[in-house]
Amino acid sequence: MSTISKKIWPEYFNQIVSGKKKFELRLNDFEINEGDTLSLEEWDPKTSQYTGRKIEKKVTFVAKFKIDKLFWPQEEIIEKGIQIISLE
C-alpha cells in the first residue's frame, strides 16, 4: 500500500472535508490502486501556494479509461463532456 500526494483546489478540498464529495477525478499520470492512501493537499491557485491543510483518504475503487475505449463516440464526449456520479 502506498501514499500518493496530490494538490487540490480549496473548493474541492472543502467538499471532501465536509463529506459531500466522495470521488476524485484525475489524469491517469500516476499509479494508484485500491487500498492506497490519497493525501490531498490544499493548493490555492490564486497565490500558487499550499495552504497547509491536508486530508488523507483510503482509496476504495479505481476506474481507468482511455478516451478511445469509452462507451460513447469521442465526438459526443468532446461536445457534452462526461459526468461522474457518486452513489450512496
C-alpha atoms as a PDB file:
ATOM      1  CA  MET A   1       0.000   0.000   0.000  1.00  0.00           C
ATOM      2  CA  SER A   2       1.293   3.430  -0.969  1.00  0.00           C
ATOM      3  CA  THR A   3       0.520   7.027  -0.065  1.00  0.00           C
ATOM      4  CA  ILE A   4       0.150   9.344  -3.041  1.00  0.00           C
ATOM      5  CA  SER A   5       0.135  13.133  -2.531  1.00  0.00           C
ATOM      6  CA  LYS A   6      -1.730  15.469  -4.873  1.00  0.00           C
ATOM      7  CA  LYS A   7      -2.710  19.135  -4.950  1.00  0.00           C
ATOM      8  CA  ILE A   8      -6.383  20.044  -4.656  1.00  0.00           C
ATOM      9  CA  TRP A   9      -8.073  23.439  -5.017  1.00  0.00           C
ATOM     10  CA  PRO A  10      -9.875  24.877  -1.955  1.00  0.00           C
ATOM     11  CA  GLU A  11     -13.431  24.469  -3.281  1.00  0.00           C
ATOM     12  CA  TYR A  12     -12.928  20.733  -3.860  1.00  0.00           C
ATOM     13  CA  PHE A  13     -10.910  20.279  -0.664  1.00  0.00           C
ATOM     14  CA  ASN A  14     -13.795  21.727   1.365  1.00  0.00           C
ATOM     15  CA  GLN A  15     -16.306  19.438  -0.354  1.00  0.00           C
ATOM     16  CA  ILE A  16     -14.212  16.391   0.557  1.00  0.00           C
ATOM     17  CA  VAL A  17     -13.723  17.554   4.154  1.00  0.00           C
ATOM     18  CA  SER A  18     -17.495  18.087   4.537  1.00  0.00           C
ATOM     19  CA  GLY A  19     -18.190  14.611   3.133  1.00  0.00           C
ATOM     20  CA  LYS A  20     -20.189  15.909   0.163  1.00  0.00           C
ATOM     21  CA  LYS A  21     -17.602  14.890  -2.454  1.00  0.00           C
ATOM     22  CA  LYS A  22     -16.661  11.205  -2.282  1.00  0.00           C
ATOM     23  CA  PHE A  23     -14.704  10.806  -5.504  1.00  0.00           C
ATOM     24  CA  GLU A  24     -11.671  12.304  -7.203  1.00  0.00           C
ATOM     25  CA  LEU A  25     -11.255  12.713 -10.960  1.00  0.00           C
ATOM     26  CA  ARG A  26      -7.606  12.780 -12.046  1.00  0.00           C
ATOM     27  CA  LEU A  27      -5.474  12.476 -15.134  1.00  0.00           C
ATOM     28  CA  ASN A  28      -4.056   8.945 -15.231  1.00  0.00           C
ATOM     29  CA  ASP A  29      -0.436  10.122 -14.988  1.00  0.00           C
ATOM     30  CA  PHE A  30       0.417   8.277 -11.758  1.00  0.00           C
ATOM     31  CA  GLU A  31      -0.080   4.793 -10.310  1.00  0.00           C
ATOM     32  CA  ILE A  32      -2.779   4.358  -7.663  1.00  0.00           C
ATOM     33  CA  ASN A  33      -4.604   1.248  -6.510  1.00  0.00           C
ATOM     34  CA  GLU A  34      -7.357   0.158  -4.161  1.00  0.00           C
ATOM     35  CA  GLY A  35      -6.032   0.184  -0.602  1.00  0.00           C
ATOM     36  CA  ASP A  36      -3.614   3.064  -1.224  1.00  0.00           C
ATOM     37  CA  THR A  37      -3.948   6.357   0.636  1.00  0.00           C
ATOM     38  CA  LEU A  38      -4.584   9.557  -1.302  1.00  0.00           C
ATOM     39  CA  SER A  39      -3.175  12.564   0.543  1.00  0.00           C
ATOM     40  CA  LEU A  40      -4.864  15.711  -0.755  1.00  0.00           C
ATOM     41  CA  GLU A  41      -3.002  18.941  -0.004  1.00  0.00           C
ATOM     42  CA  GLU A  42      -4.985  22.147  -0.416  1.00  0.00           C
ATOM     43  CA  TRP A  43      -3.414  24.400  -3.066  1.00  0.00           C
ATOM     44  CA  ASP A  44      -4.523  27.985  -3.599  1.00  0.00           C
ATOM     45  CA  PRO A  45      -4.298  28.744  -7.346  1.00  0.00           C
ATOM     46  CA  LYS A  46      -4.542  32.497  -6.643  1.00  0.00           C
ATOM     47  CA  THR A  47      -1.347  32.544  -4.556  1.00  0.00           C
ATOM     48  CA  SER A  48       0.294  29.459  -6.105  1.00  0.00           C
ATOM     49  CA  GLN A  49       0.967  28.140  -2.608  1.00  0.00           C
ATOM     50  CA  TYR A  50      -0.129  25.317  -0.351  1.00  0.00           C
ATOM     51  CA  THR A  51      -2.460  26.438   2.448  1.00  0.00           C
ATOM     52  CA  GLY A  52      -1.126  23.888   4.936  1.00  0.00           C
ATOM     53  CA  ARG A  53      -4.390  21.940   5.079  1.00  0.00           C
ATOM     54  CA  LYS A  54      -4.266  18.269   4.161  1.00  0.00           C
ATOM     55  CA  ILE A  55      -6.641  15.316   4.280  1.00  0.00           C
ATOM     56  CA  GLU A  56      -5.894  11.636   3.737  1.00  0.00           C
ATOM     57  CA  LYS A  57      -8.448   9.240   2.282  1.00  0.00           C
ATOM     58  CA  LYS A  58      -8.290   5.498   1.674  1.00  0.00           C
ATOM     59  CA  VAL A  59      -8.762   4.511  -1.969  1.00  0.00           C
ATOM     60  CA  THR A  60     -11.656   2.037  -2.265  1.00  0.00           C
ATOM     61  CA  PHE A  61     -12.130   1.923  -6.052  1.00  0.00           C
ATOM     62  CA  VAL A  62     -10.157   2.948  -9.142  1.00  0.00           C
ATOM     63  CA  ALA A  63     -11.512   3.004 -12.710  1.00  0.00           C
ATOM     64  CA  LYS A  64      -9.196   3.937 -15.572  1.00  0.00           C
ATOM     65  CA  PHE A  65     -10.388   4.806 -19.070  1.00  0.00           C
ATOM     66  CA  LYS A  66      -8.803   5.669 -22.388  1.00  0.00           C
ATOM     67  CA  ILE A  67     -10.744   8.228 -24.423  1.00  0.00           C
ATOM     68  CA  ASP A  68     -10.875   5.902 -27.442  1.00  0.00           C
ATOM     69  CA  LYS A  69     -12.115   2.976 -25.335  1.00  0.00           C
ATOM     70  CA  LEU A  70     -15.103   4.665 -23.710  1.00  0.00           C
ATOM     71  CA  PHE A  71     -18.725   3.724 -24.142  1.00  0.00           C
ATOM     72  CA  TRP A  72     -19.616   6.746 -26.278  1.00  0.00           C
ATOM     73  CA  PRO A  73     -18.319   8.244 -29.522  1.00  0.00           C
ATOM     74  CA  GLN A  74     -15.401  10.637 -28.967  1.00  0.00           C
ATOM     75  CA  GLU A  75     -17.302  13.440 -30.731  1.00  0.00           C
ATOM     76  CA  GLU A  76     -20.118  13.223 -28.166  1.00  0.00           C
ATOM     77  CA  ILE A  77     -17.642  13.231 -25.279  1.00  0.00           C
ATOM     78  CA  ILE A  78     -15.979  16.368 -26.646  1.00  0.00           C
ATOM     79  CA  GLU A  79     -19.357  18.043 -27.230  1.00  0.00           C
ATOM     80  CA  LYS A  80     -21.126  17.058 -23.998  1.00  0.00           C
ATOM     81  CA  GLY A  81     -18.397  16.042 -21.541  1.00  0.00           C
ATOM     82  CA  ILE A  82     -18.627  13.225 -19.020  1.00  0.00           C
ATOM     83  CA  GLN A  83     -20.433  13.130 -15.680  1.00  0.00           C
ATOM     84  CA  ILE A  84     -19.008  11.412 -12.616  1.00  0.00           C
ATOM     85  CA  ILE A  85     -21.846  10.213 -10.388  1.00  0.00           C
ATOM     86  CA  SER A  86     -21.272   9.352  -6.742  1.00  0.00           C
ATOM     87  CA  LEU A  87     -23.606   6.749  -5.242  1.00  0.00           C
ATOM     88  CA  GLU A  88     -24.572   6.095  -1.654  1.00  0.00           C
END
